[in-house]
Amino acid sequence: MIDRRGALASVAAMFGTAVFAPIARAAGPAGPVAVPKISDGPPSVAVFTPAQREAVTVLSERVLPTTDTPGAIAAGVPAYIEKLLADWSYPKEREPLIAGLAMLEARSQQDYKVSVAKATAAQQDALLTLAMNDQLPGGNAFFLVFRQLVLTGYFTSEIGMTQEREYLPVPGEYNGAFPYSKVNKVYTA
């Protein structure tokens, strides 16, 4: 069975050289160097204020919403993000994310007169789109890191590995003419 560190390594490889440094550290080196075990406990330090934690929660669900499979909140992505930032990042590496959350909060207050956490889904999508398109100061730097954290947290969670993907140690025979319309899930071995 694949463990979280193995899943982190495959997700880190998917992002390539642009991977967020704490994700690469948590995935571990490819050599014989011993890497500390990823603990299951709470984060070693509080990275977010309560308001930022709420914003991370609602925004992560906007990146990976609940559809026919559970979304980011059900997969525990917000807690994963805080744990990764607390235990696997340096304070300097957290700055784009913290600054981005502050920037989104200020823009939400300016445009909608409510916090990011209280904004509607459409308003949250509009804020994330502004960040993604770099139409806010430091928006793209925030969005790239945030999206990587959400995707990594989701696809390395139990929900991501068992409900979104399907683990098949031997996926079956090769069929080069398999119709794409019959593909249901992405398989991993």
N, C-alpha and C. Protein backbone atom coordinates (compact mmCIF):
# COMPACT_ATOMS: atom_id res chain seq x y z
N MET A 1 0.85 -1.19 0.00
CA MET A 1 0.00 0.00 0.00
C MET A 1 0.89 1.24 0.00
N ILE A 2 0.50 2.24 -0.73
CA ILE A 2 1.27 3.47 -0.82
C ILE A 2 1.06 4.30 0.45
N ASP A 3 2.14 4.92 0.94
CA ASP A 3 2.02 5.78 2.12
C ASP A 3 2.03 7.24 1.68
N ARG A 4 1.82 8.14 2.64
CA ARG A 4 1.71 9.56 2.30
C ARG A 4 3.01 10.10 1.74
N ARG A 5 4.16 9.65 2.26
CA ARG A 5 5.43 10.16 1.75
C ARG A 5 5.62 9.72 0.30
N GLY A 6 5.25 8.48 -0.02
CA GLY A 6 5.34 8.02 -1.41
C GLY A 6 4.42 8.80 -2.33
N ALA A 7 3.23 9.08 -1.83
CA ALA A 7 2.29 9.88 -2.62
C ALA A 7 2.81 11.31 -2.79
N LEU A 8 3.40 11.86 -1.73
CA LEU A 8 3.98 13.21 -1.83
C LEU A 8 5.08 13.23 -2.88
N ALA A 9 5.90 12.19 -2.91
CA ALA A 9 7.00 12.13 -3.88
C ALA A 9 6.45 12.12 -5.31
N SER A 10 5.37 11.36 -5.55
CA SER A 10 4.82 11.31 -6.91
C SER A 10 4.15 12.63 -7.28
N VAL A 11 3.50 13.28 -6.31
CA VAL A 11 2.89 14.59 -6.59
C VAL A 11 3.98 15.63 -6.83
N ALA A 12 5.04 15.58 -6.03
CA ALA A 12 6.15 16.52 -6.22
C ALA A 12 6.77 16.35 -7.61
N ALA A 13 6.89 15.11 -8.05
CA ALA A 13 7.43 14.86 -9.39
C ALA A 13 6.51 15.43 -10.47
N MET A 14 5.20 15.40 -10.21
CA MET A 14 4.24 15.94 -11.16
C MET A 14 4.44 17.45 -11.35
N PHE A 15 4.75 18.17 -10.26
CA PHE A 15 4.95 19.61 -10.34
C PHE A 15 6.31 19.96 -10.93
N GLY A 16 7.25 19.06 -10.87
CA GLY A 16 8.57 19.29 -11.44
C GLY A 16 9.39 20.28 -10.63
N THR A 17 10.18 21.09 -11.32
CA THR A 17 11.08 22.00 -10.63
C THR A 17 10.37 23.15 -9.93
N ALA A 18 9.11 23.39 -10.28
CA ALA A 18 8.37 24.49 -9.67
C ALA A 18 7.67 24.09 -8.38
N VAL A 19 8.03 22.95 -7.81
CA VAL A 19 7.36 22.49 -6.60
C VAL A 19 7.71 23.39 -5.42
N PHE A 20 6.72 23.66 -4.58
CA PHE A 20 6.89 24.46 -3.37
C PHE A 20 7.85 23.71 -2.45
N ALA A 21 8.89 24.38 -1.97
CA ALA A 21 9.98 23.74 -1.22
C ALA A 21 9.51 22.87 -0.05
N PRO A 22 8.55 23.29 0.78
CA PRO A 22 8.12 22.41 1.88
C PRO A 22 7.52 21.08 1.40
N ILE A 23 6.86 21.08 0.25
CA ILE A 23 6.33 19.83 -0.29
C ILE A 23 7.48 18.91 -0.66
N ALA A 24 8.50 19.46 -1.30
CA ALA A 24 9.67 18.66 -1.68
C ALA A 24 10.38 18.11 -0.44
N ARG A 25 10.51 18.93 0.61
CA ARG A 25 11.15 18.46 1.85
C ARG A 25 10.35 17.34 2.49
N ALA A 26 9.01 17.48 2.53
CA ALA A 26 8.17 16.46 3.15
C ALA A 26 8.19 15.16 2.34
N ALA A 27 8.35 15.27 1.02
CA ALA A 27 8.41 14.08 0.18
C ALA A 27 9.69 13.30 0.44
N GLY A 28 10.73 13.99 0.88
CA GLY A 28 11.98 13.31 1.21
C GLY A 28 12.90 13.20 0.04
N PRO A 29 14.19 13.06 0.32
CA PRO A 29 15.17 12.93 -0.76
C PRO A 29 15.07 11.56 -1.42
N ALA A 30 15.59 11.50 -2.63
CA ALA A 30 15.55 10.25 -3.38
C ALA A 30 16.67 9.29 -2.98
N GLY A 31 17.53 9.70 -2.10
CA GLY A 31 18.67 8.86 -1.73
C GLY A 31 18.49 8.15 -0.40
N PRO A 32 19.60 7.60 0.13
CA PRO A 32 19.54 6.82 1.36
C PRO A 32 19.52 7.67 2.65
N VAL A 33 19.39 8.99 2.52
CA VAL A 33 19.38 9.88 3.69
C VAL A 33 18.11 9.66 4.49
N ALA A 34 18.24 9.53 5.81
CA ALA A 34 17.07 9.35 6.67
C ALA A 34 16.31 10.67 6.78
N VAL A 35 15.01 10.60 6.60
CA VAL A 35 14.15 11.77 6.70
C VAL A 35 13.21 11.55 7.88
N PRO A 36 13.00 12.58 8.70
CA PRO A 36 12.11 12.41 9.85
C PRO A 36 10.72 11.97 9.42
N LYS A 37 10.08 11.17 10.25
CA LYS A 37 8.72 10.70 9.98
C LYS A 37 7.76 11.89 10.05
N ILE A 38 6.77 11.88 9.18
CA ILE A 38 5.74 12.91 9.21
C ILE A 38 4.78 12.53 10.33
N SER A 39 4.71 13.38 11.36
CA SER A 39 3.88 13.05 12.52
C SER A 39 2.41 13.25 12.20
N ASP A 40 1.56 12.51 12.92
CA ASP A 40 0.13 12.62 12.74
C ASP A 40 -0.50 13.66 13.65
N GLY A 41 0.28 14.23 14.54
CA GLY A 41 -0.26 15.16 15.52
C GLY A 41 -0.58 16.53 14.95
N PRO A 42 -0.93 17.43 15.83
CA PRO A 42 -1.25 18.80 15.39
C PRO A 42 0.02 19.52 14.93
N PRO A 43 -0.15 20.64 14.25
CA PRO A 43 1.03 21.42 13.83
C PRO A 43 1.85 21.86 15.03
N SER A 44 3.15 21.96 14.86
CA SER A 44 4.03 22.34 15.96
C SER A 44 3.85 23.80 16.37
N VAL A 45 3.42 24.65 15.43
CA VAL A 45 3.11 26.05 15.72
C VAL A 45 1.85 26.43 14.96
N ALA A 46 1.14 27.42 15.45
CA ALA A 46 -0.03 27.92 14.74
C ALA A 46 0.47 28.86 13.63
N VAL A 47 0.17 28.53 12.41
CA VAL A 47 0.60 29.33 11.27
C VAL A 47 -0.44 30.40 10.96
N PHE A 48 -1.70 30.05 11.06
CA PHE A 48 -2.79 30.93 10.67
C PHE A 48 -3.53 31.49 11.88
N THR A 49 -4.06 32.68 11.73
CA THR A 49 -5.01 33.22 12.70
C THR A 49 -6.33 32.49 12.45
N PRO A 50 -7.29 32.58 13.38
CA PRO A 50 -8.59 31.94 13.12
C PRO A 50 -9.24 32.42 11.82
N ALA A 51 -9.15 33.71 11.52
CA ALA A 51 -9.75 34.23 10.28
C ALA A 51 -9.03 33.66 9.05
N GLN A 52 -7.71 33.57 9.11
CA GLN A 52 -6.96 32.99 7.98
C GLN A 52 -7.29 31.52 7.81
N ARG A 53 -7.44 30.81 8.93
CA ARG A 53 -7.79 29.39 8.88
C ARG A 53 -9.14 29.20 8.19
N GLU A 54 -10.11 30.07 8.50
CA GLU A 54 -11.42 30.01 7.84
C GLU A 54 -11.28 30.28 6.34
N ALA A 55 -10.46 31.26 6.00
CA ALA A 55 -10.25 31.60 4.59
C ALA A 55 -9.60 30.43 3.84
N VAL A 56 -8.59 29.82 4.44
CA VAL A 56 -7.93 28.66 3.81
C VAL A 56 -8.95 27.54 3.61
N THR A 57 -9.82 27.35 4.57
CA THR A 57 -10.82 26.29 4.47
C THR A 57 -11.77 26.52 3.30
N VAL A 58 -12.37 27.71 3.22
CA VAL A 58 -13.34 27.95 2.15
C VAL A 58 -12.66 28.04 0.79
N LEU A 59 -11.47 28.61 0.73
CA LEU A 59 -10.78 28.74 -0.56
C LEU A 59 -10.28 27.39 -1.07
N SER A 60 -9.86 26.51 -0.16
CA SER A 60 -9.42 25.18 -0.62
C SER A 60 -10.60 24.41 -1.20
N GLU A 61 -11.77 24.61 -0.65
CA GLU A 61 -12.97 23.95 -1.21
C GLU A 61 -13.34 24.55 -2.56
N ARG A 62 -12.99 25.79 -2.82
CA ARG A 62 -13.24 26.39 -4.13
C ARG A 62 -12.27 25.82 -5.17
N VAL A 63 -11.06 25.48 -4.76
CA VAL A 63 -10.09 24.89 -5.68
C VAL A 63 -10.48 23.44 -6.02
N LEU A 64 -10.87 22.69 -5.00
CA LEU A 64 -11.32 21.30 -5.20
C LEU A 64 -12.66 21.11 -4.48
N PRO A 65 -13.76 21.48 -5.14
CA PRO A 65 -15.07 21.39 -4.49
C PRO A 65 -15.61 19.96 -4.44
N THR A 66 -16.57 19.77 -3.59
CA THR A 66 -17.28 18.50 -3.52
C THR A 66 -18.11 18.34 -4.79
N THR A 67 -17.95 17.22 -5.45
CA THR A 67 -18.76 16.88 -6.63
C THR A 67 -19.30 15.49 -6.38
N ASP A 68 -19.07 14.55 -7.29
CA ASP A 68 -19.46 13.17 -7.03
C ASP A 68 -18.44 12.49 -6.11
N THR A 69 -17.35 13.16 -5.83
CA THR A 69 -16.38 12.71 -4.82
C THR A 69 -16.22 13.82 -3.79
N PRO A 70 -15.77 13.50 -2.59
CA PRO A 70 -15.61 14.52 -1.56
C PRO A 70 -14.60 15.59 -1.98
N GLY A 71 -14.77 16.78 -1.44
CA GLY A 71 -13.90 17.90 -1.76
C GLY A 71 -12.74 18.05 -0.80
N ALA A 72 -12.10 19.21 -0.87
CA ALA A 72 -10.90 19.49 -0.09
C ALA A 72 -11.16 19.46 1.41
N ILE A 73 -12.29 19.99 1.85
CA ILE A 73 -12.57 20.02 3.29
C ILE A 73 -12.72 18.61 3.83
N ALA A 74 -13.48 17.78 3.15
CA ALA A 74 -13.67 16.39 3.59
C ALA A 74 -12.36 15.62 3.62
N ALA A 75 -11.44 15.97 2.73
CA ALA A 75 -10.14 15.29 2.67
C ALA A 75 -9.16 15.82 3.72
N GLY A 76 -9.55 16.84 4.47
CA GLY A 76 -8.67 17.39 5.51
C GLY A 76 -7.57 18.29 4.97
N VAL A 77 -7.79 18.88 3.80
CA VAL A 77 -6.77 19.71 3.18
C VAL A 77 -6.38 20.93 4.02
N PRO A 78 -7.34 21.67 4.60
CA PRO A 78 -6.92 22.84 5.39
C PRO A 78 -5.98 22.48 6.55
N ALA A 79 -6.27 21.41 7.25
CA ALA A 79 -5.38 20.98 8.33
C ALA A 79 -4.03 20.54 7.78
N TYR A 80 -4.03 19.86 6.65
CA TYR A 80 -2.79 19.44 6.00
C TYR A 80 -1.92 20.65 5.65
N ILE A 81 -2.54 21.69 5.10
CA ILE A 81 -1.78 22.89 4.71
C ILE A 81 -1.11 23.50 5.93
N GLU A 82 -1.86 23.65 7.02
CA GLU A 82 -1.26 24.25 8.20
C GLU A 82 -0.17 23.36 8.78
N LYS A 83 -0.38 22.06 8.78
CA LYS A 83 0.63 21.12 9.29
C LYS A 83 1.90 21.20 8.43
N LEU A 84 1.76 21.20 7.13
CA LEU A 84 2.92 21.26 6.25
C LEU A 84 3.68 22.57 6.44
N LEU A 85 2.95 23.68 6.53
CA LEU A 85 3.61 24.96 6.72
C LEU A 85 4.26 25.06 8.09
N ALA A 86 3.65 24.49 9.11
CA ALA A 86 4.21 24.56 10.47
C ALA A 86 5.45 23.70 10.62
N ASP A 87 5.40 22.49 10.07
CA ASP A 87 6.45 21.51 10.35
C ASP A 87 7.47 21.32 9.23
N TRP A 88 7.19 21.80 8.02
CA TRP A 88 8.09 21.54 6.90
C TRP A 88 8.50 22.80 6.14
N SER A 89 8.11 23.97 6.64
CA SER A 89 8.52 25.20 5.93
C SER A 89 9.25 26.12 6.88
N TYR A 90 10.03 27.00 6.28
CA TYR A 90 10.69 28.06 7.04
C TYR A 90 9.75 29.26 7.04
N PRO A 91 9.85 30.11 8.07
CA PRO A 91 8.95 31.27 8.12
C PRO A 91 8.96 32.10 6.83
N LYS A 92 10.09 32.26 6.20
CA LYS A 92 10.19 33.04 4.96
C LYS A 92 9.35 32.42 3.83
N GLU A 93 9.26 31.09 3.81
CA GLU A 93 8.50 30.40 2.76
C GLU A 93 7.00 30.57 2.93
N ARG A 94 6.56 30.89 4.13
CA ARG A 94 5.12 31.08 4.39
C ARG A 94 4.64 32.45 3.93
N GLU A 95 5.56 33.37 3.74
CA GLU A 95 5.20 34.77 3.47
C GLU A 95 4.28 34.95 2.26
N PRO A 96 4.53 34.30 1.10
CA PRO A 96 3.61 34.52 -0.03
C PRO A 96 2.18 34.08 0.29
N LEU A 97 2.05 33.01 1.04
CA LEU A 97 0.72 32.52 1.37
C LEU A 97 0.02 33.44 2.37
N ILE A 98 0.73 33.83 3.42
CA ILE A 98 0.15 34.73 4.42
C ILE A 98 -0.18 36.09 3.79
N ALA A 99 0.74 36.62 3.00
CA ALA A 99 0.50 37.90 2.32
C ALA A 99 -0.67 37.79 1.34
N GLY A 100 -0.76 36.67 0.65
CA GLY A 100 -1.86 36.46 -0.29
C GLY A 100 -3.21 36.40 0.41
N LEU A 101 -3.25 35.73 1.56
CA LEU A 101 -4.50 35.68 2.32
C LEU A 101 -4.90 37.08 2.78
N ALA A 102 -3.93 37.87 3.23
CA ALA A 102 -4.22 39.25 3.66
C ALA A 102 -4.70 40.09 2.48
N MET A 103 -4.08 39.90 1.32
CA MET A 103 -4.46 40.63 0.12
C MET A 103 -5.89 40.26 -0.31
N LEU A 104 -6.23 38.98 -0.28
CA LEU A 104 -7.58 38.55 -0.64
C LEU A 104 -8.60 39.07 0.37
N GLU A 105 -8.23 39.07 1.64
CA GLU A 105 -9.14 39.58 2.68
C GLU A 105 -9.41 41.07 2.45
N ALA A 106 -8.37 41.84 2.17
CA ALA A 106 -8.54 43.28 1.92
C ALA A 106 -9.41 43.51 0.69
N ARG A 107 -9.18 42.75 -0.36
CA ARG A 107 -9.97 42.92 -1.59
C ARG A 107 -11.42 42.51 -1.37
N SER A 108 -11.64 41.46 -0.60
CA SER A 108 -13.00 41.03 -0.29
C SER A 108 -13.74 42.09 0.50
N GLN A 109 -13.07 42.67 1.48
CA GLN A 109 -13.68 43.75 2.27
C GLN A 109 -13.98 44.95 1.39
N GLN A 110 -13.05 45.29 0.49
CA GLN A 110 -13.23 46.44 -0.41
C GLN A 110 -14.38 46.21 -1.39
N ASP A 111 -14.40 45.05 -2.04
CA ASP A 111 -15.38 44.80 -3.09
C ASP A 111 -16.74 44.33 -2.57
N TYR A 112 -16.73 43.49 -1.53
CA TYR A 112 -17.97 42.83 -1.10
C TYR A 112 -18.40 43.19 0.31
N LYS A 113 -17.56 43.90 1.04
CA LYS A 113 -17.85 44.33 2.42
C LYS A 113 -18.05 43.16 3.39
N VAL A 114 -17.45 42.01 3.07
CA VAL A 114 -17.46 40.83 3.94
C VAL A 114 -16.09 40.17 3.87
N SER A 115 -15.80 39.34 4.86
CA SER A 115 -14.53 38.61 4.85
C SER A 115 -14.57 37.54 3.76
N VAL A 116 -13.41 37.05 3.40
CA VAL A 116 -13.31 35.98 2.40
C VAL A 116 -14.15 34.79 2.83
N ALA A 117 -14.09 34.44 4.10
CA ALA A 117 -14.81 33.27 4.60
C ALA A 117 -16.32 33.44 4.50
N LYS A 118 -16.81 34.66 4.56
CA LYS A 118 -18.26 34.92 4.50
C LYS A 118 -18.75 35.27 3.09
N ALA A 119 -17.83 35.44 2.17
CA ALA A 119 -18.21 35.76 0.79
C ALA A 119 -18.91 34.57 0.15
N THR A 120 -19.69 34.85 -0.88
CA THR A 120 -20.36 33.76 -1.60
C THR A 120 -19.32 32.98 -2.40
N ALA A 121 -19.73 31.80 -2.86
CA ALA A 121 -18.83 30.99 -3.68
C ALA A 121 -18.41 31.74 -4.94
N ALA A 122 -19.33 32.45 -5.57
CA ALA A 122 -19.00 33.21 -6.78
C ALA A 122 -17.99 34.32 -6.47
N GLN A 123 -18.16 34.97 -5.33
CA GLN A 123 -17.22 36.02 -4.94
C GLN A 123 -15.84 35.44 -4.64
N GLN A 124 -15.80 34.29 -3.96
CA GLN A 124 -14.53 33.62 -3.67
C GLN A 124 -13.85 33.20 -4.97
N ASP A 125 -14.64 32.69 -5.92
CA ASP A 125 -14.08 32.33 -7.23
C ASP A 125 -13.50 33.55 -7.93
N ALA A 126 -14.21 34.68 -7.84
CA ALA A 126 -13.72 35.92 -8.48
C ALA A 126 -12.41 36.37 -7.85
N LEU A 127 -12.31 36.26 -6.53
CA LEU A 127 -11.07 36.64 -5.84
C LEU A 127 -9.92 35.73 -6.26
N LEU A 128 -10.16 34.43 -6.30
CA LEU A 128 -9.11 33.49 -6.72
C LEU A 128 -8.72 33.71 -8.18
N THR A 129 -9.68 34.06 -9.01
CA THR A 129 -9.37 34.33 -10.42
C THR A 129 -8.50 35.58 -10.56
N LEU A 130 -8.81 36.61 -9.77
CA LEU A 130 -7.95 37.81 -9.78
C LEU A 130 -6.52 37.45 -9.38
N ALA A 131 -6.40 36.63 -8.34
CA ALA A 131 -5.06 36.21 -7.89
C ALA A 131 -4.37 35.38 -8.97
N MET A 132 -5.09 34.42 -9.53
CA MET A 132 -4.51 33.54 -10.55
C MET A 132 -4.01 34.34 -11.75
N ASN A 133 -4.77 35.35 -12.15
CA ASN A 133 -4.40 36.16 -13.32
C ASN A 133 -3.44 37.29 -12.97
N ASP A 134 -2.94 37.29 -11.73
CA ASP A 134 -1.99 38.28 -11.25
C ASP A 134 -2.52 39.71 -11.37
N GLN A 135 -3.83 39.87 -11.13
CA GLN A 135 -4.45 41.18 -11.16
C GLN A 135 -4.50 41.81 -9.76
N LEU A 136 -3.87 41.15 -8.80
CA LEU A 136 -3.70 41.66 -7.45
C LEU A 136 -2.22 41.62 -7.14
N PRO A 137 -1.71 42.52 -6.30
CA PRO A 137 -0.28 42.49 -5.97
C PRO A 137 0.13 41.16 -5.34
N GLY A 138 1.05 40.46 -5.98
CA GLY A 138 1.52 39.17 -5.47
C GLY A 138 0.51 38.05 -5.62
N GLY A 139 -0.53 38.28 -6.41
CA GLY A 139 -1.61 37.30 -6.55
C GLY A 139 -1.17 35.99 -7.14
N ASN A 140 -0.38 36.04 -8.21
CA ASN A 140 0.03 34.81 -8.86
C ASN A 140 0.95 33.98 -7.98
N ALA A 141 1.85 34.64 -7.25
CA ALA A 141 2.75 33.92 -6.33
C ALA A 141 1.93 33.20 -5.27
N PHE A 142 0.91 33.86 -4.73
CA PHE A 142 0.02 33.23 -3.76
C PHE A 142 -0.72 32.07 -4.39
N PHE A 143 -1.32 32.31 -5.56
CA PHE A 143 -2.18 31.29 -6.16
C PHE A 143 -1.42 30.02 -6.52
N LEU A 144 -0.22 30.16 -7.07
CA LEU A 144 0.56 28.98 -7.45
C LEU A 144 0.89 28.12 -6.23
N VAL A 145 1.29 28.75 -5.14
CA VAL A 145 1.62 28.02 -3.91
C VAL A 145 0.35 27.41 -3.32
N PHE A 146 -0.71 28.18 -3.24
CA PHE A 146 -1.95 27.70 -2.64
C PHE A 146 -2.51 26.51 -3.42
N ARG A 147 -2.54 26.63 -4.74
CA ARG A 147 -3.07 25.52 -5.55
C ARG A 147 -2.23 24.25 -5.38
N GLN A 148 -0.91 24.39 -5.33
CA GLN A 148 -0.05 23.23 -5.11
C GLN A 148 -0.36 22.58 -3.77
N LEU A 149 -0.52 23.39 -2.74
CA LEU A 149 -0.81 22.86 -1.41
C LEU A 149 -2.16 22.12 -1.39
N VAL A 150 -3.17 22.70 -2.02
CA VAL A 150 -4.49 22.06 -2.05
C VAL A 150 -4.43 20.75 -2.82
N LEU A 151 -3.84 20.77 -4.00
CA LEU A 151 -3.78 19.54 -4.81
C LEU A 151 -2.96 18.45 -4.12
N THR A 152 -1.83 18.84 -3.54
CA THR A 152 -1.00 17.86 -2.84
C THR A 152 -1.73 17.30 -1.64
N GLY A 153 -2.35 18.17 -0.85
CA GLY A 153 -3.10 17.71 0.32
C GLY A 153 -4.23 16.77 -0.06
N TYR A 154 -4.92 17.08 -1.13
CA TYR A 154 -6.05 16.26 -1.55
C TYR A 154 -5.59 14.91 -2.11
N PHE A 155 -4.67 14.93 -3.05
CA PHE A 155 -4.30 13.69 -3.72
C PHE A 155 -3.39 12.79 -2.90
N THR A 156 -2.90 13.28 -1.75
CA THR A 156 -2.15 12.40 -0.85
C THR A 156 -2.99 11.99 0.36
N SER A 157 -4.24 12.45 0.42
CA SER A 157 -5.13 12.07 1.52
C SER A 157 -5.75 10.70 1.21
N GLU A 158 -6.34 10.11 2.22
CA GLU A 158 -7.01 8.82 2.02
C GLU A 158 -8.14 8.96 1.01
N ILE A 159 -8.90 10.04 1.10
CA ILE A 159 -10.00 10.26 0.15
C ILE A 159 -9.46 10.40 -1.26
N GLY A 160 -8.42 11.19 -1.42
CA GLY A 160 -7.84 11.39 -2.75
C GLY A 160 -7.29 10.11 -3.35
N MET A 161 -6.69 9.28 -2.50
CA MET A 161 -6.08 8.05 -3.01
C MET A 161 -7.09 6.92 -3.21
N THR A 162 -8.18 6.94 -2.48
CA THR A 162 -9.11 5.80 -2.57
C THR A 162 -10.40 6.13 -3.31
N GLN A 163 -10.82 7.39 -3.32
CA GLN A 163 -12.09 7.72 -3.97
C GLN A 163 -11.91 8.47 -5.28
N GLU A 164 -10.87 9.29 -5.36
CA GLU A 164 -10.61 10.02 -6.61
C GLU A 164 -9.77 9.16 -7.55
N ARG A 165 -8.82 8.48 -6.98
CA ARG A 165 -7.96 7.57 -7.74
C ARG A 165 -8.24 6.16 -7.25
N GLU A 166 -7.77 5.22 -7.98
CA GLU A 166 -7.95 3.83 -7.57
C GLU A 166 -6.60 3.14 -7.62
N TYR A 167 -6.25 2.47 -6.53
CA TYR A 167 -4.96 1.80 -6.45
C TYR A 167 -5.08 0.40 -7.02
N LEU A 168 -4.32 0.14 -8.06
CA LEU A 168 -4.23 -1.20 -8.64
C LEU A 168 -2.77 -1.56 -8.77
N PRO A 169 -2.26 -2.49 -7.96
CA PRO A 169 -0.85 -2.83 -8.06
C PRO A 169 -0.47 -3.35 -9.44
N VAL A 170 -1.39 -4.07 -10.09
CA VAL A 170 -1.20 -4.52 -11.47
C VAL A 170 -2.46 -4.08 -12.22
N PRO A 171 -2.39 -3.00 -12.98
CA PRO A 171 -3.60 -2.44 -13.56
C PRO A 171 -4.25 -3.26 -14.66
N GLY A 172 -3.67 -4.34 -15.08
CA GLY A 172 -4.32 -5.18 -16.09
C GLY A 172 -3.58 -5.15 -17.40
N GLU A 173 -4.23 -5.67 -18.41
CA GLU A 173 -3.59 -5.80 -19.71
C GLU A 173 -3.51 -4.46 -20.44
N TYR A 174 -2.57 -4.39 -21.36
CA TYR A 174 -2.42 -3.19 -22.18
C TYR A 174 -3.38 -3.29 -23.36
N ASN A 175 -4.12 -2.21 -23.59
CA ASN A 175 -5.00 -2.14 -24.74
C ASN A 175 -4.80 -0.76 -25.36
N GLY A 176 -4.03 -0.68 -26.41
CA GLY A 176 -3.70 0.58 -27.05
C GLY A 176 -4.87 1.26 -27.73
N ALA A 177 -5.97 0.54 -27.92
CA ALA A 177 -7.13 1.11 -28.59
C ALA A 177 -8.30 1.28 -27.63
N PHE A 178 -8.00 1.39 -26.33
CA PHE A 178 -9.07 1.52 -25.32
C PHE A 178 -9.78 2.86 -25.52
N PRO A 179 -11.10 2.84 -25.64
CA PRO A 179 -11.83 4.10 -25.88
C PRO A 179 -11.78 5.02 -24.66
N TYR A 180 -11.42 6.27 -24.90
CA TYR A 180 -11.29 7.25 -23.82
C TYR A 180 -12.61 7.42 -23.08
N SER A 181 -13.72 7.26 -23.74
CA SER A 181 -15.03 7.44 -23.11
C SER A 181 -15.28 6.42 -22.00
N LYS A 182 -14.53 5.33 -21.98
CA LYS A 182 -14.71 4.31 -20.94
C LYS A 182 -13.76 4.48 -19.75
N VAL A 183 -12.93 5.51 -19.78
CA VAL A 183 -12.01 5.76 -18.68
C VAL A 183 -12.81 6.42 -17.56
N ASN A 184 -12.83 5.77 -16.38
CA ASN A 184 -13.59 6.30 -15.25
C ASN A 184 -12.72 7.01 -14.24
N LYS A 185 -11.61 6.42 -13.89
CA LYS A 185 -10.73 6.98 -12.88
C LYS A 185 -9.29 6.95 -13.38
N VAL A 186 -8.45 7.74 -12.74
CA VAL A 186 -7.03 7.70 -13.01
C VAL A 186 -6.46 6.63 -12.09
N TYR A 187 -5.71 5.71 -12.62
CA TYR A 187 -5.15 4.62 -11.82
C TYR A 187 -3.70 4.89 -11.49
N THR A 188 -3.28 4.42 -10.34
CA THR A 188 -1.91 4.57 -9.93
C THR A 188 -1.40 3.21 -9.47
N ALA A 189 -0.15 2.96 -9.72
CA ALA A 189 0.44 1.69 -9.31
C ALA A 189 1.66 1.94 -8.45
